Amino acid sequence: MPAQWPSTDQSKFITGNLLADPLVQDALAYVQSVVPADLLSIPTSTYISLSTVKYNSDVAKNCYWPGTACVRSAPGNGYQADVYACPQTSTWGISFDDGPTVDLVNHQDSLAIRQQLDKMKIKGTFFVVGSNVIQNPQIVLDEYNDGQQIGVHTWTHHPLTTCTNEQIVAEIKYSEALIYNATGHVPKFFRPPYGDVDDRVRSIVNALGYSVTIWSKDDFAADQTTTSPSIAASLENTVISSWFAPNRPGFISLSHDISPFTSGVILSILQYVQQNRANISLNIVPIGTCMNMPWYVDGSAITTTSKTAAATNTTTLLPSPTTINATTTSASATASPTTSNVPSGAHRSAALTLFPAFAFACACAALAML
């Protein structure tokens, strides 16, 4: 375990002595030994605020997701294929970003989502943020014990192209160590905050043993600057009309348990599915299951049963990952620099104010539990 943990203040980049810890330096040395130098030397983006960055290199060449919605559909020199859609027809890889969170007022939080999943006898993937895990380690342990898949979503939720190679390693390794301390497993799947990823970030993440995981459907709750009930209803109706067509291609969804509003939107969507199962023949599974890949780096094979209107489907994860080859979505080359403002990051400043003050006071207690 590291000598100390980074701050729970997500506005602070990981710097100083935290980067000198052997946890970071040993992993960085390995990354430098296996990743081609030309990928590691891709310039960092200029951080502006939240999800807004100025990308200082070639968007198309480096497959920068926010610039062109580009994904790597096959392995290349120094990186692996991205995960972004379930290959099976009528399969929904369901995932939740930014938790764990506790909401004692509205009861729309990480626990509420897990309880709703349990009612439906399905499992999902929770991409957790280290600075939230350290405040709520029991929630992550409960998710793990309940058979939910745990993935890494960095420590600070900063856009990773703005981070140095050393900082990217630190964002992952501190979060990884905390998850391992809580569950005894190291996750296999990693989601970049705001989808902010290029070949430099991709290669570092892959070298550390992770599959870069994007999404093909977004409930857009995290994009909203207002949290009115009418907006929530509009988002729910949009999802219902576009996600649940019969015999549709498989997809991976993006939802958030960062605030009562974002949790409330996906809870309402799930409740709709529960009430209308006769008309919704989707197999709803964790991302690792839909990709037929191990959930954790030790090759853990977990059997997940998902009951839907169409059938009861039991899938056993294989110990060896498979490569999915799909079409790369890419616009024409864009000259650098490019300013990127990823919509899915718009929630960050508002969401942080929604955390009750007691959450931050729990950090010391959380450390005592680790």
Protein backbone atom coordinates (compact mmCIF):
# COMPACT_ATOMS: atom_id res chain seq x y z
CA MET A 1 0.00 0.00 0.00
CA PRO A 2 1.16 3.58 -0.61
CA ALA A 3 2.63 5.75 2.13
CA GLN A 4 -0.30 8.15 1.80
CA TRP A 5 -3.40 8.58 -0.34
CA PRO A 6 -4.13 11.53 -2.64
CA SER A 7 -6.58 14.21 -1.56
CA THR A 8 -10.32 13.68 -1.79
CA ASP A 9 -10.53 17.14 -3.40
CA GLN A 10 -11.12 16.26 -7.05
CA SER A 11 -9.97 19.71 -8.22
CA LYS A 12 -6.38 18.83 -7.29
CA PHE A 13 -4.09 16.99 -9.69
CA ILE A 14 -1.87 14.29 -8.19
CA THR A 15 1.59 15.88 -7.72
CA GLY A 16 4.70 16.01 -5.52
CA ASN A 17 5.56 13.17 -3.16
CA LEU A 18 2.52 11.21 -4.28
CA LEU A 19 4.20 10.73 -7.66
CA ALA A 20 7.44 9.58 -5.99
CA ASP A 21 5.80 6.65 -4.22
CA PRO A 22 7.13 3.25 -5.39
CA LEU A 23 3.54 2.31 -6.25
CA VAL A 24 3.74 4.88 -9.05
CA GLN A 25 7.41 4.74 -9.95
CA ASP A 26 7.59 0.96 -10.34
CA ALA A 27 4.53 0.95 -12.58
CA LEU A 28 5.84 3.91 -14.58
CA ALA A 29 9.14 2.12 -15.18
CA TYR A 30 7.27 -0.86 -16.56
CA VAL A 31 5.14 1.36 -18.81
CA GLN A 32 8.25 3.04 -20.18
CA SER A 33 9.80 -0.36 -20.90
CA VAL A 34 6.91 -1.69 -22.98
CA VAL A 35 5.17 1.30 -24.61
CA PRO A 36 6.71 2.77 -27.79
CA ALA A 37 8.43 6.09 -27.12
CA ASP A 38 6.50 7.86 -29.88
CA LEU A 39 3.22 7.16 -28.07
CA LEU A 40 4.57 8.28 -24.70
CA SER A 41 5.79 11.53 -26.28
CA ILE A 42 2.40 12.64 -27.65
CA PRO A 43 1.93 16.13 -26.16
CA THR A 44 -0.39 16.62 -23.22
CA SER A 45 -3.56 18.65 -23.64
CA THR A 46 -3.92 22.04 -21.99
CA TYR A 47 -6.36 21.84 -19.09
CA ILE A 48 -9.01 24.56 -19.08
CA SER A 49 -11.73 23.38 -16.69
CA LEU A 50 -13.71 20.23 -15.97
CA SER A 51 -14.01 18.43 -19.34
CA THR A 52 -12.78 21.36 -21.42
CA VAL A 53 -9.24 20.93 -22.78
CA LYS A 54 -7.19 22.18 -25.72
CA TYR A 55 -5.85 19.15 -27.54
CA ASN A 56 -2.30 19.95 -28.72
CA SER A 57 -1.68 17.15 -31.19
CA ASP A 58 -3.20 15.44 -34.23
CA VAL A 59 -6.75 14.42 -33.31
CA ALA A 60 -7.27 11.86 -36.07
CA LYS A 61 -3.78 10.33 -35.99
CA ASN A 62 -3.93 9.77 -32.23
CA CYS A 63 -7.57 8.58 -32.24
CA TYR A 64 -8.69 11.23 -29.77
CA TRP A 65 -12.19 10.23 -28.68
CA PRO A 66 -13.69 13.65 -27.81
CA GLY A 67 -12.42 15.12 -31.09
CA THR A 68 -13.85 12.53 -33.51
CA ALA A 69 -15.59 9.86 -31.40
CA CYS A 70 -12.72 7.66 -32.55
CA VAL A 71 -12.22 4.19 -31.10
CA ARG A 72 -9.49 1.64 -31.76
CA SER A 73 -11.37 -1.40 -33.06
CA ALA A 74 -8.24 -3.55 -33.38
CA PRO A 75 -4.86 -3.76 -31.63
CA GLY A 76 -2.02 -1.57 -32.88
CA ASN A 77 1.61 -0.97 -32.05
CA GLY A 78 1.49 -0.26 -28.33
CA TYR A 79 -2.24 -0.42 -27.65
CA GLN A 80 -5.15 -2.86 -27.57
CA ALA A 81 -8.64 -2.60 -29.02
CA ASP A 82 -11.12 -0.44 -27.11
CA VAL A 83 -14.32 -1.81 -25.61
CA TYR A 84 -17.34 0.23 -26.68
CA ALA A 85 -20.29 -2.00 -27.66
CA CYS A 86 -21.54 -5.48 -26.82
CA PRO A 87 -21.01 -7.73 -29.86
CA GLN A 88 -24.19 -9.74 -29.30
CA THR A 89 -27.56 -8.59 -30.64
CA SER A 90 -30.10 -7.36 -28.07
CA THR A 91 -27.47 -7.17 -25.31
CA TRP A 92 -27.16 -4.19 -22.98
CA GLY A 93 -23.87 -3.76 -21.12
CA ILE A 94 -25.01 -1.52 -18.28
CA SER A 95 -22.56 0.71 -16.42
CA PHE A 96 -22.46 3.50 -13.86
CA ASP A 97 -19.71 6.10 -13.43
CA ASP A 98 -18.37 8.32 -10.65
CA GLY A 99 -19.55 6.62 -7.45
CA PRO A 100 -19.76 5.43 -4.87
CA THR A 101 -22.06 8.04 -3.38
CA VAL A 102 -24.43 8.28 -0.43
CA ASP A 103 -27.61 10.38 -0.53
CA LEU A 104 -29.45 10.39 2.79
CA VAL A 105 -32.08 12.89 1.64
CA ASN A 106 -33.43 11.59 -1.66
CA HIS A 107 -32.15 8.00 -1.39
CA GLN A 108 -31.04 8.16 -5.01
CA ASP A 109 -27.46 6.92 -4.86
CA SER A 110 -25.18 3.93 -5.40
CA LEU A 111 -27.08 1.75 -2.94
CA ALA A 112 -30.45 2.55 -4.54
CA ILE A 113 -29.15 1.54 -7.97
CA ARG A 114 -27.76 -1.73 -6.63
CA GLN A 115 -31.03 -2.49 -4.87
CA GLN A 116 -32.97 -1.86 -8.08
CA LEU A 117 -30.62 -4.15 -10.00
CA ASP A 118 -31.18 -6.82 -7.36
CA LYS A 119 -34.95 -6.53 -7.73
CA MET A 120 -34.50 -7.20 -11.44
CA LYS A 121 -32.01 -10.03 -10.83
CA ILE A 122 -29.37 -8.38 -13.01
CA LYS A 123 -25.83 -7.12 -12.45
CA GLY A 124 -23.97 -4.10 -13.79
CA THR A 125 -20.53 -2.49 -13.93
CA PHE A 126 -19.64 0.28 -11.50
CA PHE A 127 -16.69 2.46 -12.58
CA VAL A 128 -15.63 3.96 -9.27
CA VAL A 129 -13.53 7.04 -8.48
CA GLY A 130 -10.76 6.58 -5.92
CA SER A 131 -11.49 9.83 -4.07
CA ASN A 132 -15.05 8.59 -3.51
CA VAL A 133 -14.05 5.00 -2.68
CA ILE A 134 -11.84 6.18 0.17
CA GLN A 135 -14.88 7.88 1.71
CA ASN A 136 -17.25 4.97 1.07
CA PRO A 137 -15.22 1.73 0.99
CA GLN A 138 -18.07 -0.36 2.39
CA ILE A 139 -20.31 0.53 -0.56
CA VAL A 140 -17.74 -0.81 -3.03
CA LEU A 141 -17.28 -3.96 -0.96
CA ASP A 142 -21.05 -4.45 -0.86
CA GLU A 143 -21.24 -4.00 -4.64
CA TYR A 144 -18.50 -6.54 -5.12
CA ASN A 145 -20.05 -9.04 -2.69
CA ASP A 146 -23.38 -8.62 -4.46
CA GLY A 147 -21.79 -9.78 -7.74
CA GLN A 148 -21.54 -6.38 -9.38
CA GLN A 149 -18.48 -5.73 -11.55
CA ILE A 150 -16.06 -3.06 -10.29
CA GLY A 151 -14.03 -0.96 -12.74
CA VAL A 152 -11.54 1.90 -12.37
CA HIS A 153 -12.45 5.52 -13.18
CA THR A 154 -9.30 7.31 -11.87
CA TRP A 155 -8.79 9.11 -8.57
CA THR A 156 -9.53 12.75 -9.43
CA HIS A 157 -11.72 12.46 -12.56
CA HIS A 158 -9.46 14.82 -14.49
CA PRO A 159 -9.31 14.45 -18.31
CA LEU A 160 -6.31 12.20 -18.73
CA THR A 161 -4.85 13.76 -21.88
CA THR A 162 -4.05 16.78 -19.66
CA CYS A 163 -2.01 14.58 -17.31
CA THR A 164 1.64 13.61 -17.65
CA ASN A 165 2.53 9.94 -18.13
CA GLU A 166 3.47 9.79 -14.46
CA GLN A 167 0.16 11.32 -13.38
CA ILE A 168 -1.87 8.89 -15.53
CA VAL A 169 -0.09 6.00 -13.83
CA ALA A 170 -0.78 7.56 -10.42
CA GLU A 171 -4.48 8.09 -11.18
CA ILE A 172 -4.83 4.40 -11.95
CA LYS A 173 -2.53 2.82 -9.38
CA TYR A 174 -3.86 4.70 -6.35
CA SER A 175 -7.42 3.81 -7.33
CA GLU A 176 -6.42 0.23 -8.07
CA ALA A 177 -4.71 -0.16 -4.68
CA LEU A 178 -7.77 1.11 -2.85
CA ILE A 179 -10.14 -1.21 -4.74
CA TYR A 180 -7.82 -4.14 -4.11
CA ASN A 181 -7.70 -3.26 -0.43
CA ALA A 182 -11.50 -3.35 -0.29
CA THR A 183 -12.25 -6.36 -2.51
CA GLY A 184 -9.07 -8.40 -2.93
CA HIS A 185 -9.24 -8.02 -6.72
CA VAL A 186 -7.69 -5.71 -9.33
CA PRO A 187 -10.20 -4.65 -11.99
CA LYS A 188 -9.65 -5.38 -15.68
CA PHE A 189 -11.81 -2.59 -17.12
CA PHE A 190 -11.02 1.13 -17.09
CA ARG A 191 -13.16 4.06 -18.19
CA PRO A 192 -11.44 7.39 -18.93
CA PRO A 193 -13.20 10.40 -17.39
CA TYR A 194 -15.24 12.29 -20.01
CA GLY A 195 -14.08 9.67 -22.53
CA ASP A 196 -10.92 11.79 -22.78
CA VAL A 197 -8.50 9.29 -24.33
CA ASP A 198 -5.94 9.20 -27.13
CA ASP A 199 -3.23 6.72 -28.07
CA ARG A 200 -0.86 7.94 -25.34
CA VAL A 201 -3.45 7.43 -22.61
CA ARG A 202 -4.67 4.24 -24.27
CA SER A 203 -1.20 2.70 -24.39
CA ILE A 204 -0.45 3.50 -20.73
CA VAL A 205 -3.80 2.13 -19.57
CA ASN A 206 -3.32 -1.04 -21.62
CA ALA A 207 0.24 -1.53 -20.34
CA LEU A 208 -1.12 -1.47 -16.79
CA GLY A 209 -3.41 -4.37 -17.68
CA TYR A 210 -6.68 -2.57 -18.35
CA SER A 211 -9.15 -2.53 -21.24
CA VAL A 212 -10.15 1.02 -22.21
CA THR A 213 -13.94 1.07 -22.03
CA ILE A 214 -16.04 3.73 -23.75
CA TRP A 215 -19.79 3.60 -24.44
CA SER A 216 -22.22 3.59 -27.35
CA LYS A 217 -25.33 4.91 -25.53
CA ASP A 218 -25.52 7.80 -23.04
CA ASP A 219 -28.53 8.68 -20.89
CA PHE A 220 -27.23 12.30 -20.87
CA ALA A 221 -28.26 12.90 -17.26
CA ALA A 222 -24.74 14.08 -16.43
CA ASP A 223 -24.86 16.74 -19.15
CA GLN A 224 -27.63 18.76 -17.57
CA THR A 225 -27.19 22.18 -16.00
CA THR A 226 -30.69 21.89 -14.54
CA THR A 227 -32.15 19.01 -12.57
CA SER A 228 -35.85 19.75 -12.99
CA PRO A 229 -38.35 16.85 -13.08
CA SER A 230 -39.34 17.77 -16.63
CA ILE A 231 -35.75 17.37 -17.81
CA ALA A 232 -35.49 14.01 -16.08
CA ALA A 233 -38.71 12.83 -17.75
CA SER A 234 -37.45 13.99 -21.14
CA LEU A 235 -34.20 12.06 -20.73
CA GLU A 236 -36.05 8.93 -19.66
CA ASN A 237 -38.37 9.13 -22.67
CA THR A 238 -35.39 9.60 -25.00
CA VAL A 239 -33.75 6.48 -23.66
CA ILE A 240 -36.93 4.45 -23.81
CA SER A 241 -37.55 5.36 -27.43
CA SER A 242 -33.98 4.79 -28.65
CA TRP A 243 -32.53 1.94 -26.56
CA PHE A 244 -35.28 -0.63 -26.48
CA ALA A 245 -36.05 -1.42 -30.10
CA PRO A 246 -36.35 -5.19 -30.78
CA ASN A 247 -33.34 -7.04 -32.24
CA ARG A 248 -31.16 -3.96 -31.95
CA PRO A 249 -27.33 -4.18 -32.02
CA GLY A 250 -25.71 -4.71 -28.66
CA PHE A 251 -24.62 -1.58 -26.81
CA ILE A 252 -22.81 -0.31 -23.70
CA SER A 253 -24.58 2.42 -21.76
CA LEU A 254 -23.23 5.34 -19.75
CA SER A 255 -25.10 6.38 -16.62
CA HIS A 256 -23.89 8.03 -13.42
CA ASP A 257 -24.36 7.61 -9.68
CA ILE A 258 -22.62 10.91 -8.91
CA SER A 259 -25.71 12.84 -7.74
CA PRO A 260 -29.36 12.27 -6.79
CA PHE A 261 -30.42 13.59 -10.22
CA THR A 262 -28.20 11.32 -12.32
CA SER A 263 -29.01 8.32 -10.12
CA GLY A 264 -32.70 9.19 -10.29
CA VAL A 265 -32.74 9.19 -14.08
CA ILE A 266 -31.25 5.70 -14.45
CA LEU A 267 -33.39 4.41 -11.57
CA SER A 268 -36.51 5.55 -13.44
CA ILE A 269 -35.26 3.89 -16.64
CA LEU A 270 -34.61 0.63 -14.82
CA GLN A 271 -38.02 0.76 -13.17
CA TYR A 272 -39.60 1.23 -16.58
CA VAL A 273 -37.76 -1.84 -17.85
CA GLN A 274 -38.89 -3.82 -14.81
CA GLN A 275 -42.53 -2.86 -15.43
CA ASN A 276 -42.40 -3.55 -19.19
CA ARG A 277 -40.32 -6.69 -19.45
CA ALA A 278 -42.86 -8.36 -21.70
CA ASN A 279 -42.03 -5.79 -24.38
CA ILE A 280 -38.29 -5.40 -23.79
CA SER A 281 -36.25 -8.42 -24.84
CA LEU A 282 -32.81 -7.20 -23.84
CA ASN A 283 -30.19 -9.24 -22.06
CA ILE A 284 -28.85 -6.81 -19.44
CA VAL A 285 -25.37 -7.74 -18.20
CA PRO A 286 -22.10 -6.27 -16.85
CA ILE A 287 -19.62 -5.13 -19.50
CA GLY A 288 -17.21 -7.96 -18.75
CA THR A 289 -19.95 -10.47 -19.42
CA CYS A 290 -21.10 -8.91 -22.68
CA MET A 291 -17.49 -8.88 -23.90
CA ASN A 292 -16.87 -12.45 -22.67
CA MET A 293 -13.77 -11.24 -20.83
CA PRO A 294 -12.52 -11.66 -17.24
CA TRP A 295 -13.70 -8.96 -14.89
CA TYR A 296 -10.43 -8.88 -12.94
CA VAL A 297 -6.77 -9.22 -13.91
CA ASP A 298 -6.38 -12.52 -12.07
CA GLY A 299 -8.72 -14.03 -14.68
CA SER A 300 -11.62 -14.43 -12.27
CA ALA A 301 -14.47 -16.26 -13.97
CA ILE A 302 -17.80 -15.10 -12.61
CA THR A 303 -21.14 -16.56 -13.69
CA THR A 304 -23.86 -13.96 -14.03
CA THR A 305 -27.52 -14.77 -14.60
CA SER A 306 -29.69 -12.10 -16.23
CA LYS A 307 -33.40 -12.73 -16.58
CA THR A 308 -35.20 -10.77 -19.30
CA ALA A 309 -38.50 -11.00 -21.11
CA ALA A 310 -37.02 -13.01 -23.95
CA ALA A 311 -35.14 -15.67 -22.01
CA THR A 312 -32.99 -16.51 -19.04
CA ASN A 313 -29.37 -16.23 -20.10
CA THR A 314 -26.48 -17.55 -18.04
CA THR A 315 -23.03 -16.51 -19.20
CA THR A 316 -19.75 -17.81 -17.78
CA LEU A 317 -16.82 -15.52 -18.28
CA LEU A 318 -13.81 -17.07 -19.97
CA PRO A 319 -10.37 -16.80 -18.36
CA SER A 320 -8.83 -15.45 -21.57
CA PRO A 321 -9.94 -12.17 -23.21
CA THR A 322 -11.19 -12.05 -26.79
CA THR A 323 -10.55 -9.26 -29.26
CA ILE A 324 -13.62 -7.68 -30.79
CA ASN A 325 -13.08 -6.15 -34.21
CA ALA A 326 -15.61 -3.46 -35.05
CA THR A 327 -15.93 -0.40 -37.22
CA THR A 328 -13.98 2.64 -36.14
CA THR A 329 -15.99 5.82 -36.03
CA SER A 330 -13.88 8.73 -37.16
CA ALA A 331 -14.39 12.12 -38.72
CA SER A 332 -11.92 13.71 -41.11
CA ALA A 333 -8.55 14.77 -39.74
CA THR A 334 -8.70 17.83 -37.55
CA ALA A 335 -5.75 20.16 -37.28
CA SER A 336 -4.30 20.68 -33.82
CA PRO A 337 -4.76 22.33 -31.45
CA THR A 338 -8.43 21.45 -30.87
CA THR A 339 -10.55 22.64 -27.99
CA SER A 340 -12.72 19.87 -26.68
CA ASN A 341 -15.64 20.33 -24.33
CA VAL A 342 -17.07 16.89 -23.68
CA PRO A 343 -20.75 17.17 -22.72
CA SER A 344 -20.65 14.28 -20.28
CA GLY A 345 -18.36 16.30 -18.03
CA ALA A 346 -20.76 19.19 -17.51
CA HIS A 347 -22.04 17.69 -14.26
CA ARG A 348 -18.79 17.75 -12.34
CA SER A 349 -18.84 21.12 -10.56
CA ALA A 350 -22.55 20.92 -9.78
CA ALA A 351 -22.34 17.33 -8.69
CA LEU A 352 -19.63 17.96 -6.15
CA THR A 353 -21.82 20.52 -4.39
CA LEU A 354 -24.49 17.85 -4.06
CA PHE A 355 -22.32 15.71 -1.81
CA PRO A 356 -23.38 16.22 1.80
CA ALA A 357 -20.66 17.76 3.92
CA PHE A 358 -20.51 14.70 6.11
CA ALA A 359 -19.09 12.66 3.25
CA PHE A 360 -15.75 14.42 3.38
CA ALA A 361 -15.66 14.11 7.15
CA CYS A 362 -15.82 10.34 6.69
CA ALA A 363 -12.41 10.15 5.02
CA CYS A 364 -10.56 9.46 8.26
CA ALA A 365 -13.04 6.81 9.28
CA ALA A 366 -12.75 5.24 5.87
CA LEU A 367 -8.99 5.02 6.14
CA ALA A 368 -9.37 3.27 9.45
CA MET A 369 -11.46 0.63 7.73
CA LEU A 370 -8.85 -0.02 5.02
